[in-house]
Amino acid sequence: MVLASGYHPHRSVLGIIWTAVTAVVMFALAAGKARTGRALGNPVLRTEGRVTLIDGILATAVLLGLVLNARLGWWWADPAAGYVLVCYAAREVREILG
């Protein structure tokens, strides 16, 4: 709907910084969980590491949309990144309910 209406989101340096930090932290947590899960032989913790890796990838998608909007004026990149999250969430729901 946002893309169809042509709404232009505002640029936010703080939002870009926050999202970049979030992505870095998620990737670091994912690596730590995976490493600890392997060391302990804990499959649940290894799986949690993969889930946290997906969180990092999704944060990176949002970051890309924010940066493209701020740097190149691609107003549609920010809402498009949101649609990536919606598609991923819909896929997860289908798997859970499927």
N, C-alpha and C. Protein backbone atom coordinates (compact mmCIF):
# COMPACT_ATOMS: atom_id res chain seq x y z
N MET A 1 0.82 -1.19 0.00
CA MET A 1 0.00 0.00 0.00
C MET A 1 0.87 1.26 0.00
N VAL A 2 1.94 1.24 0.77
CA VAL A 2 2.83 2.41 0.84
C VAL A 2 3.46 2.68 -0.53
N LEU A 3 3.86 1.64 -1.21
CA LEU A 3 4.47 1.83 -2.53
C LEU A 3 3.44 2.39 -3.51
N ALA A 4 2.22 1.90 -3.45
CA ALA A 4 1.18 2.37 -4.37
C ALA A 4 0.81 3.83 -4.10
N SER A 5 0.84 4.23 -2.83
CA SER A 5 0.46 5.61 -2.50
C SER A 5 1.58 6.60 -2.77
N GLY A 6 2.82 6.10 -2.90
CA GLY A 6 3.95 6.98 -3.15
C GLY A 6 4.43 7.73 -1.93
N TYR A 7 4.09 7.23 -0.74
CA TYR A 7 4.52 7.88 0.50
C TYR A 7 6.05 7.84 0.58
N HIS A 8 6.66 8.97 0.87
CA HIS A 8 8.11 9.07 0.98
C HIS A 8 8.51 9.10 2.45
N PRO A 9 9.14 8.03 2.96
CA PRO A 9 9.56 8.03 4.36
C PRO A 9 10.68 9.04 4.59
N HIS A 10 10.74 9.55 5.79
CA HIS A 10 11.80 10.50 6.15
C HIS A 10 13.12 9.78 6.35
N ARG A 11 14.20 10.50 6.16
CA ARG A 11 15.53 9.94 6.41
C ARG A 11 15.82 10.07 7.89
N SER A 12 16.52 9.06 8.44
CA SER A 12 16.84 9.07 9.86
C SER A 12 18.23 8.50 10.09
N VAL A 13 19.17 9.37 10.39
CA VAL A 13 20.53 8.92 10.67
C VAL A 13 20.53 8.03 11.90
N LEU A 14 19.78 8.41 12.92
CA LEU A 14 19.69 7.61 14.14
C LEU A 14 19.11 6.22 13.83
N GLY A 15 18.10 6.17 12.97
CA GLY A 15 17.52 4.89 12.58
C GLY A 15 18.52 4.01 11.84
N ILE A 16 19.33 4.62 11.00
CA ILE A 16 20.36 3.87 10.27
C ILE A 16 21.40 3.32 11.24
N ILE A 17 21.84 4.16 12.17
CA ILE A 17 22.84 3.72 13.15
C ILE A 17 22.28 2.59 14.01
N TRP A 18 21.07 2.77 14.50
CA TRP A 18 20.43 1.76 15.36
C TRP A 18 20.30 0.43 14.62
N THR A 19 19.86 0.47 13.38
CA THR A 19 19.67 -0.75 12.61
C THR A 19 21.01 -1.41 12.29
N ALA A 20 22.03 -0.62 12.01
CA ALA A 20 23.37 -1.18 11.76
C ALA A 20 23.90 -1.88 13.01
N VAL A 21 23.74 -1.24 14.16
CA VAL A 21 24.19 -1.86 15.41
C VAL A 21 23.41 -3.15 15.67
N THR A 22 22.11 -3.11 15.43
CA THR A 22 21.27 -4.29 15.61
C THR A 22 21.77 -5.45 14.74
N ALA A 23 22.06 -5.17 13.47
CA ALA A 23 22.53 -6.21 12.57
C ALA A 23 23.86 -6.80 13.06
N VAL A 24 24.78 -5.95 13.44
CA VAL A 24 26.08 -6.42 13.92
C VAL A 24 25.90 -7.30 15.16
N VAL A 25 25.08 -6.85 16.10
CA VAL A 25 24.85 -7.61 17.32
C VAL A 25 24.21 -8.96 17.00
N MET A 26 23.24 -8.97 16.09
CA MET A 26 22.58 -10.23 15.73
C MET A 26 23.57 -11.22 15.13
N PHE A 27 24.45 -10.75 14.25
CA PHE A 27 25.44 -11.64 13.65
C PHE A 27 26.43 -12.16 14.70
N ALA A 28 26.82 -11.30 15.62
CA ALA A 28 27.73 -11.73 16.69
C ALA A 28 27.05 -12.75 17.61
N LEU A 29 25.80 -12.50 17.97
CA LEU A 29 25.06 -13.45 18.80
C LEU A 29 24.87 -14.78 18.08
N ALA A 30 24.58 -14.72 16.80
CA ALA A 30 24.39 -15.95 16.02
C ALA A 30 25.66 -16.79 16.03
N ALA A 31 26.79 -16.15 15.82
CA ALA A 31 28.06 -16.88 15.81
C ALA A 31 28.35 -17.46 17.19
N GLY A 32 28.11 -16.69 18.23
CA GLY A 32 28.35 -17.16 19.59
C GLY A 32 27.45 -18.33 19.96
N LYS A 33 26.18 -18.24 19.61
CA LYS A 33 25.25 -19.34 19.90
C LYS A 33 25.64 -20.60 19.14
N ALA A 34 25.98 -20.44 17.87
CA ALA A 34 26.37 -21.61 17.07
C ALA A 34 27.63 -22.26 17.62
N ARG A 35 28.61 -21.44 17.95
CA ARG A 35 29.88 -21.95 18.49
C ARG A 35 29.65 -22.65 19.84
N THR A 36 28.87 -22.03 20.71
CA THR A 36 28.60 -22.63 22.02
C THR A 36 27.77 -23.90 21.87
N GLY A 37 26.80 -23.87 20.97
CA GLY A 37 25.98 -25.05 20.73
C GLY A 37 26.81 -26.23 20.23
N ARG A 38 27.77 -25.95 19.34
CA ARG A 38 28.67 -27.02 18.86
C ARG A 38 29.54 -27.54 20.00
N ALA A 39 30.09 -26.63 20.79
CA ALA A 39 30.99 -27.02 21.88
C ALA A 39 30.26 -27.87 22.93
N LEU A 40 29.00 -27.54 23.16
CA LEU A 40 28.22 -28.28 24.17
C LEU A 40 27.48 -29.47 23.58
N GLY A 41 27.49 -29.58 22.26
CA GLY A 41 26.70 -30.63 21.61
C GLY A 41 25.21 -30.40 21.80
N ASN A 42 24.81 -29.13 21.82
CA ASN A 42 23.42 -28.76 22.09
C ASN A 42 22.74 -28.35 20.78
N PRO A 43 21.88 -29.23 20.22
CA PRO A 43 21.23 -28.91 18.94
C PRO A 43 20.25 -27.74 19.04
N VAL A 44 19.65 -27.55 20.20
CA VAL A 44 18.71 -26.44 20.37
C VAL A 44 19.45 -25.11 20.26
N LEU A 45 20.60 -25.01 20.89
CA LEU A 45 21.38 -23.77 20.82
C LEU A 45 21.93 -23.53 19.41
N ARG A 46 22.30 -24.60 18.72
CA ARG A 46 22.75 -24.44 17.32
C ARG A 46 21.60 -23.92 16.46
N THR A 47 20.40 -24.45 16.67
CA THR A 47 19.23 -23.98 15.92
C THR A 47 18.94 -22.53 16.26
N GLU A 48 19.04 -22.17 17.52
CA GLU A 48 18.84 -20.78 17.94
C GLU A 48 19.85 -19.86 17.25
N GLY A 49 21.06 -20.35 17.06
CA GLY A 49 22.06 -19.58 16.33
C GLY A 49 21.64 -19.31 14.89
N ARG A 50 21.02 -20.31 14.25
CA ARG A 50 20.54 -20.11 12.87
C ARG A 50 19.38 -19.11 12.84
N VAL A 51 18.49 -19.18 13.83
CA VAL A 51 17.37 -18.24 13.90
C VAL A 51 17.90 -16.81 14.09
N THR A 52 18.89 -16.65 14.95
CA THR A 52 19.47 -15.33 15.18
C THR A 52 20.21 -14.84 13.94
N LEU A 53 20.80 -15.74 13.17
CA LEU A 53 21.41 -15.36 11.90
C LEU A 53 20.37 -14.78 10.95
N ILE A 54 19.19 -15.39 10.90
CA ILE A 54 18.09 -14.86 10.07
C ILE A 54 17.70 -13.47 10.56
N ASP A 55 17.67 -13.26 11.87
CA ASP A 55 17.39 -11.92 12.41
C ASP A 55 18.40 -10.91 11.90
N GLY A 56 19.67 -11.29 11.86
CA GLY A 56 20.71 -10.40 11.34
C GLY A 56 20.51 -10.09 9.87
N ILE A 57 20.14 -11.10 9.11
CA ILE A 57 19.90 -10.90 7.67
C ILE A 57 18.71 -9.96 7.46
N LEU A 58 17.65 -10.15 8.23
CA LEU A 58 16.49 -9.28 8.11
C LEU A 58 16.82 -7.84 8.51
N ALA A 59 17.61 -7.68 9.57
CA ALA A 59 18.05 -6.33 9.97
C ALA A 59 18.89 -5.69 8.87
N THR A 60 19.69 -6.50 8.18
CA THR A 60 20.50 -5.98 7.08
C THR A 60 19.62 -5.54 5.91
N ALA A 61 18.53 -6.27 5.66
CA ALA A 61 17.60 -5.87 4.59
C ALA A 61 16.97 -4.52 4.92
N VAL A 62 16.58 -4.34 6.17
CA VAL A 62 16.01 -3.05 6.58
C VAL A 62 17.07 -1.95 6.47
N LEU A 63 18.28 -2.25 6.90
CA LEU A 63 19.37 -1.27 6.82
C LEU A 63 19.61 -0.85 5.37
N LEU A 64 19.61 -1.81 4.47
CA LEU A 64 19.81 -1.49 3.05
C LEU A 64 18.72 -0.54 2.55
N GLY A 65 17.47 -0.81 2.92
CA GLY A 65 16.38 0.08 2.52
C GLY A 65 16.55 1.48 3.07
N LEU A 66 16.95 1.58 4.34
CA LEU A 66 17.16 2.89 4.96
C LEU A 66 18.29 3.66 4.28
N VAL A 67 19.39 2.97 4.01
CA VAL A 67 20.55 3.62 3.40
C VAL A 67 20.25 4.05 1.96
N LEU A 68 19.59 3.20 1.20
CA LEU A 68 19.24 3.57 -0.18
C LEU A 68 18.31 4.77 -0.22
N ASN A 69 17.39 4.84 0.74
CA ASN A 69 16.51 6.00 0.82
C ASN A 69 17.30 7.25 1.17
N ALA A 70 18.16 7.15 2.17
CA ALA A 70 18.90 8.33 2.65
C ALA A 70 19.95 8.81 1.64
N ARG A 71 20.68 7.88 1.03
CA ARG A 71 21.80 8.26 0.16
C ARG A 71 21.40 8.55 -1.29
N LEU A 72 20.51 7.71 -1.82
CA LEU A 72 20.17 7.84 -3.24
C LEU A 72 18.78 8.41 -3.48
N GLY A 73 18.04 8.63 -2.38
CA GLY A 73 16.69 9.15 -2.53
C GLY A 73 15.70 8.12 -3.06
N TRP A 74 16.06 6.86 -2.96
CA TRP A 74 15.16 5.80 -3.42
C TRP A 74 14.10 5.57 -2.35
N TRP A 75 13.09 6.43 -2.33
CA TRP A 75 12.07 6.40 -1.30
C TRP A 75 11.39 5.03 -1.20
N TRP A 76 11.32 4.31 -2.28
CA TRP A 76 10.63 3.02 -2.32
C TRP A 76 11.44 1.89 -1.69
N ALA A 77 12.75 2.10 -1.48
CA ALA A 77 13.60 1.03 -0.95
C ALA A 77 13.26 0.71 0.51
N ASP A 78 12.92 1.72 1.30
CA ASP A 78 12.58 1.50 2.70
C ASP A 78 11.31 0.66 2.83
N PRO A 79 10.19 1.04 2.20
CA PRO A 79 9.01 0.19 2.30
C PRO A 79 9.20 -1.17 1.63
N ALA A 80 10.01 -1.24 0.58
CA ALA A 80 10.26 -2.53 -0.07
C ALA A 80 10.97 -3.47 0.91
N ALA A 81 11.88 -2.95 1.72
CA ALA A 81 12.54 -3.77 2.73
C ALA A 81 11.52 -4.29 3.74
N GLY A 82 10.54 -3.47 4.06
CA GLY A 82 9.46 -3.93 4.95
C GLY A 82 8.69 -5.08 4.35
N TYR A 83 8.47 -5.05 3.04
CA TYR A 83 7.77 -6.14 2.38
C TYR A 83 8.60 -7.43 2.41
N VAL A 84 9.92 -7.32 2.40
CA VAL A 84 10.78 -8.50 2.54
C VAL A 84 10.48 -9.17 3.88
N LEU A 85 10.36 -8.36 4.94
CA LEU A 85 10.06 -8.90 6.26
C LEU A 85 8.68 -9.56 6.29
N VAL A 86 7.71 -8.93 5.66
CA VAL A 86 6.36 -9.49 5.62
C VAL A 86 6.35 -10.83 4.88
N CYS A 87 7.06 -10.90 3.76
CA CYS A 87 7.12 -12.16 3.01
C CYS A 87 7.78 -13.26 3.82
N TYR A 88 8.85 -12.94 4.52
CA TYR A 88 9.51 -13.93 5.36
C TYR A 88 8.58 -14.40 6.47
N ALA A 89 7.89 -13.46 7.11
CA ALA A 89 6.97 -13.81 8.20
C ALA A 89 5.84 -14.69 7.68
N ALA A 90 5.32 -14.37 6.50
CA ALA A 90 4.24 -15.18 5.91
C ALA A 90 4.73 -16.60 5.63
N ARG A 91 5.95 -16.72 5.15
CA ARG A 91 6.52 -18.05 4.89
C ARG A 91 6.64 -18.84 6.19
N GLU A 92 7.09 -18.19 7.25
CA GLU A 92 7.22 -18.85 8.54
C GLU A 92 5.86 -19.31 9.07
N VAL A 93 4.86 -18.47 8.92
CA VAL A 93 3.51 -18.83 9.39
C VAL A 93 3.00 -20.03 8.60
N ARG A 94 3.22 -20.03 7.28
CA ARG A 94 2.80 -21.17 6.45
C ARG A 94 3.46 -22.46 6.94
N GLU A 95 4.75 -22.40 7.26
CA GLU A 95 5.44 -23.59 7.75
C GLU A 95 4.90 -24.05 9.09
N ILE A 96 4.58 -23.11 9.96
CA ILE A 96 4.07 -23.46 11.29
C ILE A 96 2.68 -24.09 11.18
N LEU A 97 1.83 -23.49 10.36
CA LEU A 97 0.44 -23.96 10.25
C LEU A 97 0.27 -25.08 9.24
N GLY A 98 1.28 -25.22 8.34
CA GLY A 98 1.19 -26.15 7.22
C GLY A 98 1.13 -27.55 7.61
